[in-house]
Amino acid sequence: MYNKIMRLPEVMSQTGLSRSSIYLRISKGKFPSSISLGDRAVGWLEADVNQWLDERIADSKGVHNG
Protein backbone atom coordinates (compact mmCIF):
# COMPACT_ATOMS: atom_id res chain seq x y z
CA MET A 1 0.00 0.00 0.00
CA TYR A 2 1.32 3.43 -0.95
CA ASN A 3 0.74 6.39 1.34
CA LYS A 4 1.99 9.74 0.11
CA ILE A 5 3.02 12.11 2.88
CA MET A 6 2.32 15.79 2.35
CA ARG A 7 4.34 18.41 4.19
CA LEU A 8 2.76 21.62 5.48
CA PRO A 9 3.42 23.86 2.42
CA GLU A 10 1.74 21.30 0.16
CA VAL A 11 -1.22 20.91 2.55
CA MET A 12 -1.60 24.69 2.66
CA SER A 13 -1.49 24.89 -1.14
CA GLN A 14 -3.97 22.03 -1.63
CA THR A 15 -6.50 23.26 0.95
CA GLY A 16 -6.10 27.02 0.64
CA LEU A 17 -5.76 27.23 4.43
CA SER A 18 -3.04 29.07 6.34
CA ARG A 19 -0.74 27.32 8.81
CA SER A 20 -2.62 28.76 11.77
CA SER A 21 -6.01 27.74 10.33
CA ILE A 22 -4.82 24.18 9.83
CA TYR A 23 -3.53 23.85 13.40
CA LEU A 24 -6.64 25.54 14.83
CA ARG A 25 -8.88 23.08 12.98
CA ILE A 26 -6.72 20.16 14.16
CA SER A 27 -7.11 21.33 17.77
CA LYS A 28 -10.90 21.42 17.29
CA GLY A 29 -10.96 17.98 15.66
CA LYS A 30 -12.00 19.45 12.31
CA PHE A 31 -8.92 18.60 10.25
CA PRO A 32 -6.84 15.41 9.97
CA SER A 33 -4.05 15.16 12.52
CA SER A 34 -0.47 15.21 11.37
CA ILE A 35 1.81 12.22 11.77
CA SER A 36 5.30 12.41 13.19
CA LEU A 37 8.10 11.89 10.69
CA GLY A 38 10.92 12.45 13.14
CA ASP A 39 12.06 14.73 15.93
CA ARG A 40 10.81 17.98 14.38
CA ALA A 41 9.06 16.89 11.21
CA VAL A 42 5.40 16.17 10.61
CA GLY A 43 3.29 15.41 7.58
CA TRP A 44 -0.22 14.50 6.58
CA LEU A 45 -1.44 11.50 4.64
CA GLU A 46 -2.58 12.70 1.23
CA ALA A 47 -5.62 10.39 1.43
CA ASP A 48 -6.72 12.03 4.71
CA VAL A 49 -6.39 15.54 3.28
CA ASN A 50 -8.23 14.55 0.08
CA GLN A 51 -11.03 12.95 2.11
CA TRP A 52 -11.35 16.14 4.18
CA LEU A 53 -11.54 18.20 0.96
CA ASP A 54 -14.15 15.85 -0.51
CA GLU A 55 -16.26 16.25 2.64
CA ARG A 56 -16.02 20.05 2.47
CA ILE A 57 -17.08 19.98 -1.18
CA ALA A 58 -20.03 17.68 -0.42
CA ASP A 59 -21.09 19.89 2.52
CA SER A 60 -20.96 23.02 0.39
CA LYS A 61 -23.15 21.39 -2.27
CA GLY A 62 -25.63 20.08 0.30
CA VAL A 63 -24.70 16.46 -0.34
CA HIS A 64 -24.58 14.42 2.85
CA ASN A 65 -23.06 10.95 2.97
CA GLY A 66 -24.31 8.66 5.69
PDB file of N, CA and C in Angstrom:
ATOM      1  N   MET A   1       0.847  -1.177   0.000  1.00  0.00           N
ATOM      2  CA  MET A   1       0.000   0.000   0.000  1.00  0.00           C
ATOM      3  C   MET A   1       0.890   1.237   0.000  1.00  0.00           C
ATOM      4  N   TYR A   2       0.520   2.216  -0.804  1.00  0.00           N
ATOM      5  CA  TYR A   2       1.317   3.431  -0.952  1.00  0.00           C
ATOM      6  C   TYR A   2       0.595   4.586  -0.277  1.00  0.00           C
ATOM      7  N   ASN A   3       1.292   5.231   0.648  1.00  0.00           N
ATOM      8  CA  ASN A   3       0.744   6.391   1.344  1.00  0.00           C
ATOM      9  C   ASN A   3       1.660   7.581   1.104  1.00  0.00           C
ATOM     10  N   LYS A   4       1.193   8.543   0.330  1.00  0.00           N
ATOM     11  CA  LYS A   4       1.991   9.741   0.105  1.00  0.00           C
ATOM     12  C   LYS A   4       1.854  10.653   1.321  1.00  0.00           C
ATOM     13  N   ILE A   5       2.979  11.168   1.765  1.00  0.00           N
ATOM     14  CA  ILE A   5       3.016  12.108   2.875  1.00  0.00           C
ATOM     15  C   ILE A   5       3.151  13.515   2.305  1.00  0.00           C
ATOM     16  N   MET A   6       2.268  14.393   2.764  1.00  0.00           N
ATOM     17  CA  MET A   6       2.316  15.794   2.354  1.00  0.00           C
ATOM     18  C   MET A   6       2.888  16.614   3.496  1.00  0.00           C
ATOM     19  N   ARG A   7       3.811  17.491   3.186  1.00  0.00           N
ATOM     20  CA  ARG A   7       4.341  18.405   4.190  1.00  0.00           C
ATOM     21  C   ARG A   7       3.458  19.648   4.224  1.00  0.00           C
ATOM     22  N   LEU A   8       3.642  20.488   5.245  1.00  0.00           N
ATOM     23  CA  LEU A   8       2.765  21.617   5.477  1.00  0.00           C
ATOM     24  C   LEU A   8       2.581  22.546   4.266  1.00  0.00           C
ATOM     25  N   PRO A   9       3.645  22.957   3.570  1.00  0.00           N
ATOM     26  CA  PRO A   9       3.422  23.857   2.423  1.00  0.00           C
ATOM     27  C   PRO A   9       2.492  23.251   1.364  1.00  0.00           C
ATOM     28  N   GLU A  10       2.603  21.958   1.140  1.00  0.00           N
ATOM     29  CA  GLU A  10       1.741  21.296   0.156  1.00  0.00           C
ATOM     30  C   GLU A  10       0.304  21.216   0.661  1.00  0.00           C
ATOM     31  N   VAL A  11       0.122  20.944   1.956  1.00  0.00           N
ATOM     32  CA  VAL A  11      -1.219  20.908   2.548  1.00  0.00           C
ATOM     33  C   VAL A  11      -1.863  22.291   2.444  1.00  0.00           C
ATOM     34  N   MET A  12      -1.093  23.323   2.754  1.00  0.00           N
ATOM     35  CA  MET A  12      -1.599  24.690   2.660  1.00  0.00           C
ATOM     36  C   MET A  12      -2.011  25.007   1.223  1.00  0.00           C
ATOM     37  N   SER A  13      -1.196  24.624   0.264  1.00  0.00           N
ATOM     38  CA  SER A  13      -1.492  24.886  -1.144  1.00  0.00           C
ATOM     39  C   SER A  13      -2.735  24.128  -1.586  1.00  0.00           C
ATOM     40  N   GLN A  14      -2.842  22.873  -1.193  1.00  0.00           N
ATOM     41  CA  GLN A  14      -3.968  22.032  -1.627  1.00  0.00           C
ATOM     42  C   GLN A  14      -5.290  22.483  -1.003  1.00  0.00           C
ATOM     43  N   THR A  15      -5.256  22.917   0.249  1.00  0.00           N
ATOM     44  CA  THR A  15      -6.496  23.259   0.950  1.00  0.00           C
ATOM     45  C   THR A  15      -6.847  24.740   0.859  1.00  0.00           C
ATOM     46  N   GLY A  16      -5.863  25.580   0.624  1.00  0.00           N
ATOM     47  CA  GLY A  16      -6.097  27.016   0.638  1.00  0.00           C
ATOM     48  C   GLY A  16      -6.129  27.594   2.039  1.00  0.00           C
ATOM     49  N   LEU A  17      -5.766  26.786   3.034  1.00  0.00           N
ATOM     50  CA  LEU A  17      -5.760  27.233   4.428  1.00  0.00           C
ATOM     51  C   LEU A  17      -4.368  27.696   4.837  1.00  0.00           C
ATOM     52  N   SER A  18      -4.319  28.626   5.793  1.00  0.00           N
ATOM     53  CA  SER A  18      -3.044  29.066   6.344  1.00  0.00           C
ATOM     54  C   SER A  18      -2.572  28.061   7.390  1.00  0.00           C
ATOM     55  N   ARG A  19      -1.313  28.186   7.774  1.00  0.00           N
ATOM     56  CA  ARG A  19      -0.745  27.318   8.806  1.00  0.00           C
ATOM     57  C   ARG A  19      -1.574  27.393  10.083  1.00  0.00           C
ATOM     58  N   SER A  20      -1.885  28.610  10.520  1.00  0.00           N
ATOM     59  CA  SER A  20      -2.623  28.764  11.773  1.00  0.00           C
ATOM     60  C   SER A  20      -4.028  28.188  11.663  1.00  0.00           C
ATOM     61  N   SER A  21      -4.667  28.321  10.517  1.00  0.00           N
ATOM     62  CA  SER A  21      -6.007  27.744  10.333  1.00  0.00           C
ATOM     63  C   SER A  21      -5.967  26.221  10.392  1.00  0.00           C
ATOM     64  N   ILE A  22      -4.955  25.640   9.803  1.00  0.00           N
ATOM     65  CA  ILE A  22      -4.816  24.179   9.834  1.00  0.00           C
ATOM     66  C   ILE A  22      -4.672  23.696  11.272  1.00  0.00           C
ATOM     67  N   TYR A  23      -3.757  24.303  12.029  1.00  0.00           N
ATOM     68  CA  TYR A  23      -3.532  23.850  13.400  1.00  0.00           C
ATOM     69  C   TYR A  23      -4.721  24.156  14.310  1.00  0.00           C
ATOM     70  N   LEU A  24      -5.427  25.246  14.063  1.00  0.00           N
ATOM     71  CA  LEU A  24      -6.636  25.542  14.831  1.00  0.00           C
ATOM     72  C   LEU A  24      -7.700  24.475  14.576  1.00  0.00           C
ATOM     73  N   ARG A  25      -7.899  24.110  13.315  1.00  0.00           N
ATOM     74  CA  ARG A  25      -8.880  23.080  12.980  1.00  0.00           C
ATOM     75  C   ARG A  25      -8.479  21.722  13.551  1.00  0.00           C
ATOM     76  N   ILE A  26      -7.180  21.416  13.558  1.00  0.00           N
ATOM     77  CA  ILE A  26      -6.723  20.159  14.164  1.00  0.00           C
ATOM     78  C   ILE A  26      -7.079  20.149  15.649  1.00  0.00           C
ATOM     79  N   SER A  27      -6.838  21.263  16.325  1.00  0.00           N
ATOM     80  CA  SER A  27      -7.106  21.327  17.774  1.00  0.00           C
ATOM     81  C   SER A  27      -8.595  21.184  18.081  1.00  0.00           C
ATOM     82  N   LYS A  28      -9.444  21.548  17.117  1.00  0.00           N
ATOM     83  CA  LYS A  28     -10.899  21.421  17.291  1.00  0.00           C
ATOM     84  C   LYS A  28     -11.437  20.103  16.735  1.00  0.00           C
ATOM     85  N   GLY A  29     -10.539  19.261  16.224  1.00  0.00           N
ATOM     86  CA  GLY A  29     -10.958  17.984  15.655  1.00  0.00           C
ATOM     87  C   GLY A  29     -11.632  18.115  14.301  1.00  0.00           C
ATOM     88  N   LYS A  30     -11.341  19.194  13.586  1.00  0.00           N
ATOM     89  CA  LYS A  30     -12.003  19.455  12.308  1.00  0.00           C
ATOM     90  C   LYS A  30     -11.056  19.384  11.114  1.00  0.00           C
ATOM     91  N   PHE A  31      -9.887  18.798  11.323  1.00  0.00           N
ATOM     92  CA  PHE A  31      -8.924  18.598  10.247  1.00  0.00           C
ATOM     93  C   PHE A  31      -8.089  17.386  10.627  1.00  0.00           C
ATOM     94  N   PRO A  32      -7.650  16.608   9.641  1.00  0.00           N
ATOM     95  CA  PRO A  32      -6.845  15.414   9.968  1.00  0.00           C
ATOM     96  C   PRO A  32      -5.581  15.775  10.752  1.00  0.00           C
ATOM     97  N   SER A  33      -5.267  14.962  11.727  1.00  0.00           N
ATOM     98  CA  SER A  33      -4.049  15.160  12.518  1.00  0.00           C
ATOM     99  C   SER A  33      -2.823  14.836  11.683  1.00  0.00           C
ATOM    100  N   SER A  34      -1.737  15.495  12.023  1.00  0.00           N
ATOM    101  CA  SER A  34      -0.470  15.206  11.369  1.00  0.00           C
ATOM    102  C   SER A  34       0.122  13.944  11.973  1.00  0.00           C
ATOM    103  N   ILE A  35       1.076  13.372  11.254  1.00  0.00           N
ATOM    104  CA  ILE A  35       1.808  12.225  11.770  1.00  0.00           C
ATOM    105  C   ILE A  35       3.267  12.624  11.917  1.00  0.00           C
ATOM    106  N   SER A  36       3.904  12.079  12.922  1.00  0.00           N
ATOM    107  CA  SER A  36       5.302  12.405  13.189  1.00  0.00           C
ATOM    108  C   SER A  36       6.199  11.691  12.182  1.00  0.00           C
ATOM    109  N   LEU A  37       7.122  12.447  11.622  1.00  0.00           N
ATOM    110  CA  LEU A  37       8.103  11.886  10.694  1.00  0.00           C
ATOM    111  C   LEU A  37       9.497  11.857  11.296  1.00  0.00           C
ATOM    112  N   GLY A  38       9.623  12.387  12.484  1.00  0.00           N
ATOM    113  CA  GLY A  38      10.918  12.453  13.140  1.00  0.00           C
ATOM    114  C   GLY A  38      10.848  13.435  14.284  1.00  0.00           C
ATOM    115  N   ASP A  39      11.999  13.852  14.773  1.00  0.00           N
ATOM    116  CA  ASP A  39      12.056  14.734  15.934  1.00  0.00           C
ATOM    117  C   ASP A  39      11.281  16.035  15.734  1.00  0.00           C
ATOM    118  N   ARG A  40      11.453  16.679  14.596  1.00  0.00           N
ATOM    119  CA  ARG A  40      10.810  17.984  14.382  1.00  0.00           C
ATOM    120  C   ARG A  40      10.082  18.060  13.054  1.00  0.00           C
ATOM    121  N   ALA A  41       9.719  16.911  12.510  1.00  0.00           N
ATOM    122  CA  ALA A  41       9.065  16.892  11.206  1.00  0.00           C
ATOM    123  C   ALA A  41       7.718  16.182  11.295  1.00  0.00           C
ATOM    124  N   VAL A  42       6.715  16.792  10.686  1.00  0.00           N
ATOM    125  CA  VAL A  42       5.399  16.168  10.607  1.00  0.00           C
ATOM    126  C   VAL A  42       4.897  16.233   9.174  1.00  0.00           C
ATOM    127  N   GLY A  43       3.919  15.410   8.894  1.00  0.00           N
ATOM    128  CA  GLY A  43       3.292  15.411   7.581  1.00  0.00           C
ATOM    129  C   GLY A  43       1.871  14.903   7.711  1.00  0.00           C
ATOM    130  N   TRP A  44       1.158  14.966   6.616  1.00  0.00           N
ATOM    131  CA  TRP A  44      -0.222  14.501   6.575  1.00  0.00           C
ATOM    132  C   TRP A  44      -0.344  13.475   5.467  1.00  0.00           C
ATOM    133  N   LEU A  45      -1.179  12.461   5.692  1.00  0.00           N
ATOM    134  CA  LEU A  45      -1.441  11.498   4.636  1.00  0.00           C
ATOM    135  C   LEU A  45      -2.290  12.183   3.564  1.00  0.00           C
ATOM    136  N   GLU A  46      -1.857  12.073   2.335  1.00  0.00           N
ATOM    137  CA  GLU A  46      -2.577  12.698   1.233  1.00  0.00           C
ATOM    138  C   GLU A  46      -4.029  12.220   1.196  1.00  0.00           C
ATOM    139  N   ALA A  47      -4.256  10.943   1.456  1.00  0.00           N
ATOM    140  CA  ALA A  47      -5.616  10.393   1.434  1.00  0.00           C
ATOM    141  C   ALA A  47      -6.501  11.070   2.473  1.00  0.00           C
ATOM    142  N   ASP A  48      -5.944  11.363   3.660  1.00  0.00           N
ATOM    143  CA  ASP A  48      -6.722  12.032   4.708  1.00  0.00           C
ATOM    144  C   ASP A  48      -7.092  13.450   4.295  1.00  0.00           C
ATOM    145  N   VAL A  49      -6.143  14.158   3.714  1.00  0.00           N
ATOM    146  CA  VAL A  49      -6.393  15.540   3.282  1.00  0.00           C
ATOM    147  C   VAL A  49      -7.419  15.538   2.144  1.00  0.00           C
ATOM    148  N   ASN A  50      -7.278  14.619   1.198  1.00  0.00           N
ATOM    149  CA  ASN A  50      -8.225  14.549   0.085  1.00  0.00           C
ATOM    150  C   ASN A  50      -9.626  14.198   0.572  1.00  0.00           C
ATOM    151  N   GLN A  51      -9.729  13.297   1.554  1.00  0.00           N
ATOM    152  CA  GLN A  51     -11.035  12.952   2.109  1.00  0.00           C
ATOM    153  C   GLN A  51     -11.655  14.173   2.780  1.00  0.00           C
ATOM    154  N   TRP A  52     -10.856  14.926   3.524  1.00  0.00           N
ATOM    155  CA  TRP A  52     -11.349  16.140   4.179  1.00  0.00           C
ATOM    156  C   TRP A  52     -11.867  17.128   3.127  1.00  0.00           C
ATOM    157  N   LEU A  53     -11.112  17.299   2.035  1.00  0.00           N
ATOM    158  CA  LEU A  53     -11.536  18.196   0.963  1.00  0.00           C
ATOM    159  C   LEU A  53     -12.843  17.711   0.329  1.00  0.00           C
ATOM    160  N   ASP A  54     -12.935  16.412   0.072  1.00  0.00           N
ATOM    161  CA  ASP A  54     -14.154  15.853  -0.513  1.00  0.00           C
ATOM    162  C   ASP A  54     -15.360  16.117   0.378  1.00  0.00           C
ATOM    163  N   GLU A  55     -15.169  15.986   1.696  1.00  0.00           N
ATOM    164  CA  GLU A  55     -16.262  16.245   2.641  1.00  0.00           C
ATOM    165  C   GLU A  55     -16.671  17.716   2.623  1.00  0.00           C
ATOM    166  N   ARG A  56     -15.692  18.625   2.540  1.00  0.00           N
ATOM    167  CA  ARG A  56     -16.020  20.050   2.472  1.00  0.00           C
ATOM    168  C   ARG A  56     -16.800  20.360   1.202  1.00  0.00           C
ATOM    169  N   ILE A  57     -16.393  19.756   0.086  1.00  0.00           N
ATOM    170  CA  ILE A  57     -17.083  19.980  -1.183  1.00  0.00           C
ATOM    171  C   ILE A  57     -18.514  19.464  -1.084  1.00  0.00           C
ATOM    172  N   ALA A  58     -18.687  18.252  -0.555  1.00  0.00           N
ATOM    173  CA  ALA A  58     -20.028  17.675  -0.421  1.00  0.00           C
ATOM    174  C   ALA A  58     -20.898  18.549   0.490  1.00  0.00           C
ATOM    175  N   ASP A  59     -20.335  19.023   1.601  1.00  0.00           N
ATOM    176  CA  ASP A  59     -21.091  19.889   2.520  1.00  0.00           C
ATOM    177  C   ASP A  59     -21.526  21.174   1.826  1.00  0.00           C
ATOM    178  N   SER A  60     -20.643  21.741   1.027  1.00  0.00           N
ATOM    179  CA  SER A  60     -20.964  23.024   0.389  1.00  0.00           C
ATOM    180  C   SER A  60     -22.035  22.863  -0.692  1.00  0.00           C
ATOM    181  N   LYS A  61     -22.146  21.644  -1.228  1.00  0.00           N
ATOM    182  CA  LYS A  61     -23.150  21.390  -2.269  1.00  0.00           C
ATOM    183  C   LYS A  61     -24.420  20.781  -1.681  1.00  0.00           C
ATOM    184  N   GLY A  62     -24.457  20.634  -0.346  1.00  0.00           N
ATOM    185  CA  GLY A  62     -25.632  20.078   0.296  1.00  0.00           C
ATOM    186  C   GLY A  62     -25.783  18.579   0.133  1.00  0.00           C
ATOM    187  N   VAL A  63     -24.674  17.908  -0.210  1.00  0.00           N
ATOM    188  CA  VAL A  63     -24.698  16.456  -0.342  1.00  0.00           C
ATOM    189  C   VAL A  63     -24.183  15.872   0.963  1.00  0.00           C
ATOM    190  N   HIS A  64     -24.975  15.013   1.576  1.00  0.00           N
ATOM    191  CA  HIS A  64     -24.579  14.416   2.854  1.00  0.00           C
ATOM    192  C   HIS A  64     -24.471  12.912   2.694  1.00  0.00           C
ATOM    193  N   ASN A  65     -23.287  12.397   3.012  1.00  0.00           N
ATOM    194  CA  ASN A  65     -23.063  10.954   2.966  1.00  0.00           C
ATOM    195  C   ASN A  65     -23.291  10.375   4.341  1.00  0.00           C
ATOM    196  N   GLY A  66     -24.106   9.350   4.417  1.00  0.00           N
ATOM    197  CA  GLY A  66     -24.315   8.657   5.692  1.00  0.00           C
ATOM    198  C   GLY A  66     -25.537   9.138   6.301  1.00  0.00           C
TER     199      GLY A  66
END
